[in-house]
N, C-alpha and C. Protein backbone atom coordinates (compact mmCIF):
# COMPACT_ATOMS: atom_id res chain seq x y z
N UNK A 1 12.48 6.93 18.56
CA UNK A 1 11.88 6.36 19.76
C UNK A 1 10.67 5.51 19.35
N UNK A 2 10.51 4.39 20.00
CA UNK A 2 9.40 3.50 19.69
C UNK A 2 8.10 4.07 20.23
N UNK A 3 7.00 3.70 19.56
CA UNK A 3 5.68 4.10 20.05
C UNK A 3 5.29 3.16 21.19
N UNK A 4 4.30 3.58 21.95
CA UNK A 4 3.82 2.74 23.05
C UNK A 4 3.23 1.44 22.50
N UNK A 5 2.58 1.50 21.34
CA UNK A 5 2.01 0.29 20.76
C UNK A 5 3.11 -0.70 20.35
N UNK A 6 4.23 -0.20 19.84
CA UNK A 6 5.36 -1.07 19.48
C UNK A 6 5.96 -1.70 20.74
N UNK A 7 6.06 -0.93 21.80
CA UNK A 7 6.60 -1.45 23.06
C UNK A 7 5.69 -2.54 23.61
N UNK A 8 4.39 -2.30 23.59
CA UNK A 8 3.42 -3.31 24.08
C UNK A 8 3.56 -4.59 23.26
N UNK A 9 3.62 -4.45 21.93
CA UNK A 9 3.74 -5.63 21.05
C UNK A 9 5.03 -6.39 21.34
N UNK A 10 6.12 -5.67 21.54
CA UNK A 10 7.40 -6.32 21.84
C UNK A 10 7.33 -7.05 23.18
N UNK A 11 6.72 -6.42 24.19
CA UNK A 11 6.58 -7.06 25.50
C UNK A 11 5.79 -8.35 25.39
N UNK A 12 4.73 -8.33 24.57
CA UNK A 12 3.89 -9.51 24.43
C UNK A 12 4.62 -10.66 23.75
N UNK A 13 5.64 -10.35 22.96
CA UNK A 13 6.43 -11.40 22.30
C UNK A 13 7.43 -12.06 23.25
N UNK A 14 7.76 -11.37 24.33
CA UNK A 14 8.77 -11.87 25.27
C UNK A 14 8.10 -12.56 26.45
N UNK A 15 8.30 -13.87 26.56
CA UNK A 15 7.67 -14.63 27.65
C UNK A 15 8.48 -14.58 28.94
N UNK A 16 9.78 -14.55 28.80
CA UNK A 16 10.69 -14.64 29.93
C UNK A 16 10.99 -13.25 30.49
N UNK A 17 10.95 -13.12 31.81
CA UNK A 17 11.21 -11.80 32.40
C UNK A 17 12.66 -11.37 32.30
N UNK A 18 13.56 -12.31 32.17
CA UNK A 18 14.96 -11.91 31.91
C UNK A 18 15.04 -11.19 30.57
N UNK A 19 14.32 -11.70 29.56
CA UNK A 19 14.28 -11.05 28.25
C UNK A 19 13.60 -9.69 28.33
N UNK A 20 12.56 -9.59 29.13
CA UNK A 20 11.85 -8.31 29.28
C UNK A 20 12.74 -7.28 29.97
N UNK A 21 13.51 -7.71 30.96
CA UNK A 21 14.45 -6.78 31.61
C UNK A 21 15.52 -6.31 30.62
N UNK A 22 16.03 -7.24 29.81
CA UNK A 22 17.00 -6.85 28.78
C UNK A 22 16.37 -5.84 27.81
N UNK A 23 15.12 -6.07 27.45
CA UNK A 23 14.41 -5.16 26.55
C UNK A 23 14.24 -3.78 27.20
N UNK A 24 13.91 -3.75 28.49
CA UNK A 24 13.80 -2.48 29.20
C UNK A 24 15.13 -1.72 29.15
N UNK A 25 16.22 -2.44 29.36
CA UNK A 25 17.54 -1.82 29.32
C UNK A 25 17.82 -1.27 27.92
N UNK A 26 17.45 -2.04 26.89
CA UNK A 26 17.63 -1.56 25.51
C UNK A 26 16.82 -0.29 25.25
N UNK A 27 15.59 -0.25 25.74
CA UNK A 27 14.76 0.95 25.58
C UNK A 27 15.45 2.16 26.21
N UNK A 28 16.01 1.97 27.39
CA UNK A 28 16.71 3.05 28.07
C UNK A 28 17.95 3.50 27.31
N UNK A 29 18.68 2.54 26.78
CA UNK A 29 19.89 2.89 26.02
C UNK A 29 19.56 3.68 24.76
N UNK A 30 18.38 3.46 24.21
CA UNK A 30 17.97 4.16 22.98
C UNK A 30 17.58 5.62 23.24
N UNK A 31 17.32 5.96 24.51
CA UNK A 31 16.96 7.35 24.83
C UNK A 31 18.19 8.24 24.72
N UNK A 32 18.02 9.42 24.13
CA UNK A 32 19.14 10.37 24.15
C UNK A 32 19.43 10.80 25.59
N UNK A 33 20.70 10.89 25.94
CA UNK A 33 21.08 11.34 27.27
C UNK A 33 20.77 12.82 27.42
N UNK A 34 20.36 13.20 28.62
CA UNK A 34 20.24 14.62 28.93
C UNK A 34 21.64 15.16 29.21
N UNK A 35 21.84 16.43 28.92
CA UNK A 35 23.12 17.05 29.22
C UNK A 35 23.24 17.36 30.70
N UNK A 36 24.46 17.51 31.20
CA UNK A 36 24.66 17.80 32.62
C UNK A 36 23.91 19.07 33.06
N UNK A 37 23.78 20.04 32.16
CA UNK A 37 23.08 21.28 32.50
C UNK A 37 21.57 21.06 32.60
N UNK A 38 21.06 19.92 32.09
CA UNK A 38 19.63 19.62 32.18
C UNK A 38 19.30 18.76 33.40
N UNK A 39 20.31 18.18 34.01
CA UNK A 39 20.12 17.33 35.18
C UNK A 39 20.26 18.19 36.43
N UNK A 40 19.20 18.90 36.73
CA UNK A 40 19.21 19.85 37.84
C UNK A 40 18.19 19.44 38.90
N UNK A 41 18.21 20.12 40.01
CA UNK A 41 17.21 19.88 41.06
C UNK A 41 15.80 20.15 40.53
N UNK A 42 15.67 21.14 39.64
CA UNK A 42 14.35 21.49 39.10
C UNK A 42 13.78 20.39 38.20
N UNK A 43 14.64 19.63 37.53
CA UNK A 43 14.15 18.59 36.63
C UNK A 43 14.15 17.21 37.28
N UNK A 44 14.67 17.11 38.48
CA UNK A 44 14.74 15.82 39.18
C UNK A 44 13.34 15.41 39.65
N UNK A 45 13.03 14.13 39.47
CA UNK A 45 11.75 13.59 39.91
C UNK A 45 11.87 13.13 41.36
N UNK A 46 11.05 13.66 42.21
CA UNK A 46 11.04 13.27 43.63
C UNK A 46 10.31 11.94 43.78
N UNK A 47 10.74 11.13 44.72
CA UNK A 47 10.07 9.87 44.99
C UNK A 47 10.70 8.68 44.30
N UNK A 48 11.78 8.91 43.59
CA UNK A 48 12.50 7.82 42.94
C UNK A 48 13.77 7.53 43.72
N UNK A 49 14.03 6.27 43.96
CA UNK A 49 15.26 5.89 44.66
C UNK A 49 16.45 6.17 43.74
N UNK A 50 16.33 5.77 42.47
CA UNK A 50 17.36 6.10 41.48
C UNK A 50 17.18 7.57 41.11
N UNK A 51 18.20 8.13 40.53
CA UNK A 51 18.09 9.51 40.06
C UNK A 51 17.34 9.50 38.73
N UNK A 52 16.30 10.31 38.64
CA UNK A 52 15.51 10.44 37.42
C UNK A 52 15.29 11.92 37.17
N UNK A 53 15.50 12.32 35.92
CA UNK A 53 15.26 13.71 35.51
C UNK A 53 14.25 13.70 34.39
N UNK A 54 13.35 14.67 34.41
CA UNK A 54 12.29 14.74 33.43
C UNK A 54 12.12 16.19 32.98
N UNK A 55 12.12 16.39 31.68
CA UNK A 55 11.92 17.72 31.11
C UNK A 55 10.67 17.67 30.24
N UNK A 56 9.76 18.61 30.48
CA UNK A 56 8.55 18.69 29.66
C UNK A 56 8.58 19.97 28.85
N UNK A 57 8.11 19.86 27.63
CA UNK A 57 8.04 21.00 26.72
C UNK A 57 6.68 20.97 26.05
N UNK A 58 6.13 22.13 25.78
CA UNK A 58 4.84 22.17 25.08
C UNK A 58 4.94 23.08 23.88
N UNK A 59 4.12 22.77 22.87
CA UNK A 59 4.11 23.61 21.67
C UNK A 59 3.13 24.77 21.88
N UNK A 60 2.96 25.56 20.85
CA UNK A 60 2.10 26.75 20.95
C UNK A 60 0.66 26.48 20.53
N UNK A 61 0.32 25.25 20.22
CA UNK A 61 -1.04 24.92 19.81
C UNK A 61 -2.00 25.09 20.98
N UNK A 62 -3.27 25.22 20.68
CA UNK A 62 -4.31 25.27 21.71
C UNK A 62 -5.28 24.17 21.46
N UNK A 63 -5.40 23.15 22.28
CA UNK A 63 -4.58 22.93 23.47
C UNK A 63 -3.16 22.51 23.08
N UNK A 64 -2.22 22.76 23.99
CA UNK A 64 -0.83 22.40 23.68
C UNK A 64 -0.63 20.89 23.66
N UNK A 65 0.36 20.47 22.91
CA UNK A 65 0.81 19.08 22.92
C UNK A 65 2.14 19.08 23.67
N UNK A 66 2.28 18.16 24.60
CA UNK A 66 3.48 18.10 25.40
C UNK A 66 4.42 17.01 24.89
N UNK A 67 5.69 17.27 25.00
CA UNK A 67 6.70 16.25 24.73
C UNK A 67 7.60 16.19 25.94
N UNK A 68 8.15 15.03 26.17
CA UNK A 68 8.96 14.81 27.37
C UNK A 68 10.29 14.19 26.98
N UNK A 69 11.30 14.58 27.73
CA UNK A 69 12.63 13.96 27.64
C UNK A 69 13.01 13.57 29.05
N UNK A 70 13.75 12.48 29.16
CA UNK A 70 14.13 12.04 30.50
C UNK A 70 15.39 11.22 30.50
N UNK A 71 15.89 11.00 31.70
CA UNK A 71 17.13 10.25 31.88
C UNK A 71 17.14 9.67 33.29
N UNK A 72 17.98 8.68 33.49
CA UNK A 72 18.17 8.09 34.82
C UNK A 72 19.58 7.55 34.91
N UNK A 73 20.05 7.41 36.14
CA UNK A 73 21.37 6.84 36.36
C UNK A 73 21.33 5.32 36.50
N UNK A 74 20.14 4.72 36.38
CA UNK A 74 19.97 3.27 36.51
C UNK A 74 19.40 2.69 35.20
N UNK A 75 19.96 1.61 34.71
CA UNK A 75 19.59 1.06 33.41
C UNK A 75 18.11 0.68 33.30
N UNK A 76 17.61 -0.11 34.23
CA UNK A 76 16.21 -0.54 34.16
C UNK A 76 15.29 0.65 34.32
N UNK A 77 15.62 1.55 35.22
CA UNK A 77 14.78 2.74 35.43
C UNK A 77 14.76 3.62 34.18
N UNK A 78 15.89 3.73 33.50
CA UNK A 78 15.91 4.50 32.26
C UNK A 78 14.98 3.86 31.22
N UNK A 79 14.87 2.55 31.23
CA UNK A 79 13.91 1.86 30.37
C UNK A 79 12.49 2.19 30.75
N UNK A 80 12.22 2.29 32.05
CA UNK A 80 10.89 2.70 32.51
C UNK A 80 10.59 4.13 32.09
N UNK A 81 11.61 4.99 32.14
CA UNK A 81 11.46 6.37 31.66
C UNK A 81 11.05 6.33 30.18
N UNK A 82 11.71 5.47 29.40
CA UNK A 82 11.39 5.37 27.97
C UNK A 82 9.94 4.97 27.75
N UNK A 83 9.42 4.05 28.55
CA UNK A 83 8.02 3.64 28.43
C UNK A 83 7.11 4.81 28.76
N UNK A 84 7.40 5.53 29.84
CA UNK A 84 6.57 6.69 30.22
C UNK A 84 6.59 7.76 29.13
N UNK A 85 7.75 8.01 28.56
CA UNK A 85 7.84 9.02 27.50
C UNK A 85 7.04 8.59 26.28
N UNK A 86 7.13 7.31 25.91
CA UNK A 86 6.36 6.81 24.77
C UNK A 86 4.87 6.90 25.02
N UNK A 87 4.46 6.68 26.25
CA UNK A 87 3.04 6.71 26.60
C UNK A 87 2.48 8.13 26.56
N UNK A 88 3.25 9.11 27.02
CA UNK A 88 2.69 10.45 27.20
C UNK A 88 3.12 11.51 26.19
N UNK A 89 4.27 11.37 25.55
CA UNK A 89 4.74 12.42 24.64
C UNK A 89 3.82 12.56 23.43
N UNK A 90 3.62 13.82 23.02
CA UNK A 90 2.80 14.12 21.86
C UNK A 90 1.32 14.26 22.16
N UNK A 91 0.97 14.20 23.43
CA UNK A 91 -0.45 14.27 23.82
C UNK A 91 -0.79 15.63 24.41
N UNK A 92 -2.08 15.92 24.43
CA UNK A 92 -2.57 17.16 25.05
C UNK A 92 -2.69 16.93 26.56
N UNK A 93 -2.79 18.01 27.34
CA UNK A 93 -2.99 17.83 28.78
C UNK A 93 -4.20 16.96 29.11
N UNK A 94 -5.30 17.15 28.40
CA UNK A 94 -6.50 16.35 28.67
C UNK A 94 -6.25 14.87 28.39
N UNK A 95 -5.55 14.57 27.30
CA UNK A 95 -5.23 13.18 26.98
C UNK A 95 -4.30 12.58 28.03
N UNK A 96 -3.36 13.37 28.49
CA UNK A 96 -2.43 12.90 29.52
C UNK A 96 -3.19 12.59 30.81
N UNK A 97 -4.07 13.50 31.20
CA UNK A 97 -4.86 13.28 32.42
C UNK A 97 -5.73 12.03 32.31
N UNK A 98 -6.25 11.77 31.12
CA UNK A 98 -7.17 10.64 30.92
C UNK A 98 -6.44 9.31 30.75
N UNK A 99 -5.14 9.33 30.58
CA UNK A 99 -4.38 8.11 30.36
C UNK A 99 -4.20 7.33 31.66
N UNK A 100 -4.60 6.08 31.64
CA UNK A 100 -4.47 5.21 32.80
C UNK A 100 -3.15 4.45 32.72
N UNK A 101 -2.11 5.08 33.22
CA UNK A 101 -0.78 4.49 33.17
C UNK A 101 -0.72 3.20 33.98
N UNK A 102 -1.39 3.17 35.12
CA UNK A 102 -1.38 1.97 35.97
C UNK A 102 -1.91 0.75 35.21
N UNK A 103 -2.95 0.95 34.40
CA UNK A 103 -3.52 -0.15 33.62
C UNK A 103 -2.49 -0.66 32.60
N UNK A 104 -1.79 0.27 31.96
CA UNK A 104 -0.77 -0.13 30.99
C UNK A 104 0.35 -0.90 31.69
N UNK A 105 0.83 -0.38 32.82
CA UNK A 105 1.91 -1.05 33.53
C UNK A 105 1.47 -2.43 33.99
N UNK A 106 0.20 -2.56 34.37
CA UNK A 106 -0.34 -3.87 34.72
C UNK A 106 -0.37 -4.80 33.53
N UNK A 107 -0.78 -4.28 32.37
CA UNK A 107 -0.83 -5.08 31.15
C UNK A 107 0.56 -5.60 30.77
N UNK A 108 1.57 -4.78 31.01
CA UNK A 108 2.95 -5.19 30.71
C UNK A 108 3.51 -6.10 31.79
N UNK A 109 2.81 -6.22 32.92
CA UNK A 109 3.28 -7.06 34.01
C UNK A 109 4.33 -6.40 34.89
N UNK A 110 4.48 -5.10 34.73
CA UNK A 110 5.53 -4.41 35.47
C UNK A 110 5.29 -4.43 36.98
N UNK A 111 4.03 -4.26 37.41
CA UNK A 111 3.78 -4.21 38.85
C UNK A 111 4.19 -5.49 39.56
N UNK A 112 4.07 -6.62 38.85
CA UNK A 112 4.41 -7.90 39.46
C UNK A 112 5.91 -8.22 39.43
N UNK A 113 6.66 -7.47 38.62
CA UNK A 113 8.06 -7.81 38.44
C UNK A 113 9.04 -6.68 38.77
N UNK A 114 8.53 -5.60 39.31
CA UNK A 114 9.41 -4.50 39.73
C UNK A 114 9.47 -4.48 41.25
N UNK A 115 10.58 -4.02 41.77
CA UNK A 115 10.66 -3.84 43.22
C UNK A 115 9.69 -2.75 43.63
N UNK A 116 9.26 -2.74 44.89
CA UNK A 116 8.37 -1.67 45.34
C UNK A 116 8.97 -0.28 45.12
N UNK A 117 10.29 -0.15 45.28
CA UNK A 117 10.93 1.15 45.07
C UNK A 117 10.81 1.60 43.62
N UNK A 118 11.02 0.67 42.68
CA UNK A 118 10.90 1.03 41.26
C UNK A 118 9.45 1.35 40.91
N UNK A 119 8.51 0.59 41.47
CA UNK A 119 7.08 0.87 41.22
C UNK A 119 6.71 2.25 41.75
N UNK A 120 7.20 2.60 42.93
CA UNK A 120 6.94 3.94 43.47
C UNK A 120 7.56 5.02 42.60
N UNK A 121 8.76 4.76 42.11
CA UNK A 121 9.41 5.72 41.23
C UNK A 121 8.65 5.91 39.94
N UNK A 122 8.11 4.83 39.40
CA UNK A 122 7.31 4.91 38.18
C UNK A 122 6.06 5.75 38.43
N UNK A 123 5.41 5.53 39.56
CA UNK A 123 4.23 6.35 39.91
C UNK A 123 4.62 7.82 40.09
N UNK A 124 5.80 8.07 40.65
CA UNK A 124 6.27 9.46 40.81
C UNK A 124 6.50 10.11 39.45
N UNK A 125 7.03 9.36 38.48
CA UNK A 125 7.22 9.90 37.14
C UNK A 125 5.89 10.28 36.51
N UNK A 126 4.91 9.38 36.63
CA UNK A 126 3.59 9.64 36.06
C UNK A 126 2.94 10.85 36.74
N UNK A 127 3.07 10.94 38.06
CA UNK A 127 2.52 12.09 38.77
C UNK A 127 3.16 13.38 38.30
N UNK A 128 4.45 13.37 38.08
CA UNK A 128 5.16 14.56 37.60
C UNK A 128 4.69 14.94 36.20
N UNK A 129 4.54 13.96 35.32
CA UNK A 129 4.07 14.22 33.96
C UNK A 129 2.67 14.82 33.99
N UNK A 130 1.79 14.27 34.82
CA UNK A 130 0.42 14.79 34.90
C UNK A 130 0.41 16.19 35.51
N UNK A 131 1.28 16.44 36.47
CA UNK A 131 1.41 17.78 37.06
C UNK A 131 1.84 18.78 35.99
N UNK A 132 2.86 18.42 35.21
CA UNK A 132 3.34 19.30 34.15
C UNK A 132 2.24 19.55 33.10
N UNK A 133 1.43 18.53 32.83
CA UNK A 133 0.32 18.69 31.87
C UNK A 133 -0.71 19.68 32.40
N UNK A 134 -1.01 19.59 33.70
CA UNK A 134 -1.97 20.55 34.28
C UNK A 134 -1.43 21.96 34.22
N UNK A 135 -0.14 22.13 34.47
CA UNK A 135 0.47 23.46 34.38
C UNK A 135 0.43 24.00 32.96
N UNK A 136 0.68 23.14 31.99
CA UNK A 136 0.64 23.56 30.58
C UNK A 136 -0.76 23.97 30.18
N UNK A 137 -1.75 23.25 30.69
CA UNK A 137 -3.15 23.58 30.37
C UNK A 137 -3.56 24.91 30.97
N UNK A 138 -3.02 25.20 32.14
CA UNK A 138 -3.37 26.46 32.83
C UNK A 138 -2.65 27.66 32.25
N UNK A 139 -1.54 27.43 31.55
CA UNK A 139 -0.73 28.55 31.03
C UNK A 139 -1.41 29.26 29.87
């Protein structure tokens, strides 16, 4: 999986939004698919028009580091999942809480080029990740 810095650099190289959409689709295709047993109501992200599933796992370190896996039934949305996973995986709950995802999405130009439904879904994914981070910190 690419790092968030690699994704940002790749986005900056692509001037045309058709190329950026193709890149988003490629990012999504590179994500490992979740198994049918992992695509449950418990892992489903609410607030997304497309189906999105998100699984969070934490290690035993103190503070824990969280890793995320995700999937979607829509190609572009799965690419957005890949960006969110690259941004948040491997971080502690405090780092996740402090991460300004909206600023990153703005830097990539996503807010200006996504439908309102996809933008809302992206915010729902980030809210879910931050919720899971708070739960991990409290455990």
